[in-house]
């Protein structure tokens, strides 16, 4: 008898009238919004403009969704193109199936396009967004909980995930690998934030740290999963991908630190110009304010104005009066 377990939702869809709200899509959307909001704060702190992250996300997010779906469909093609399967299901992204490797790869292409249009270095933008992407993943993994998918091996631990009977799954209690990865992503985000503040990471090294830390966790979490996957030399394909990406990320951090140490001083040229304009406008505004205050004072003397001497004798009037008296006597 199971004394404790994590229940699974009875359905992954909530119908709001004629509109179906799918839990998987909802988790992804929440993750994107939180990532953009937090990324905007980090970008401003790095010296960028407000709103730039959202503008570039308009390019990065759609590219990332397409890349994530492509990776999943290509690496799990048997789910859609085998005998008895319907290839149209490959387009049903709401049913689950996004590969983070494809999402990051193609999302980076979209981000590069957005950064190029604004004259922003992609590595600096990626550094600002690195922990935000990890947080978005932490939210997105809960979509697997709604779909009752990508769970681990059977277990009777108190935090086991209870799975109901359904297509391609057997009822029982399993390791909640979605929860493991979600918590791991939160830890990765905190690690990157701390390291970025402590070591002033720049030129893409904060993003590389995120990749390395995520891959370190993804390797052992992936190893626990029991869903169908391709194997190479006894290991799941995604385990090999995580190991390769870990090595590449660590190598990049080491080489980049030697070739381009420090952090970018200017990440968005327009933001520097805006700041300079504000600084130049401040003295002028102060001077204008002083002039307004002086002009509004009734007792103040206008520059160059002559003030008559109140104590000076009026000599002109007596002369006029004296001439008038002389004319009368004549």
Foldseek 3Di string as FASTA:
>chain_A
DFPAEAEFDPAQWDDPDPDIDGNLVVLLVVLVVQLLVQLQVLQVVLLDDRPLSVQLCVQLQVQLQVQQLVVQCVFPVCQAPPPPHPVVCSPVCSLDGGHNVRSVVRSLVSSVVSCVVQVFDSLQSLLSSQLSNLQSLLSNLCSCRNNVDFFFAADSDNHWYFDDDDPPDDTHTTHGLSNQLSVQSNVLSVVLVVCCVVFVDAPNLSNLSSLLSSLVSCLVSNQGTDHDGDDDPRGGPSNVVSVVSNVVSVVCNVVCCVPPNHHDNDRGVVSVVVVVVVVVVVVVVVVVVVVVVQVVDPPHDDPPDDDDDPPDDDPVVVVVVVVVVVVVVD
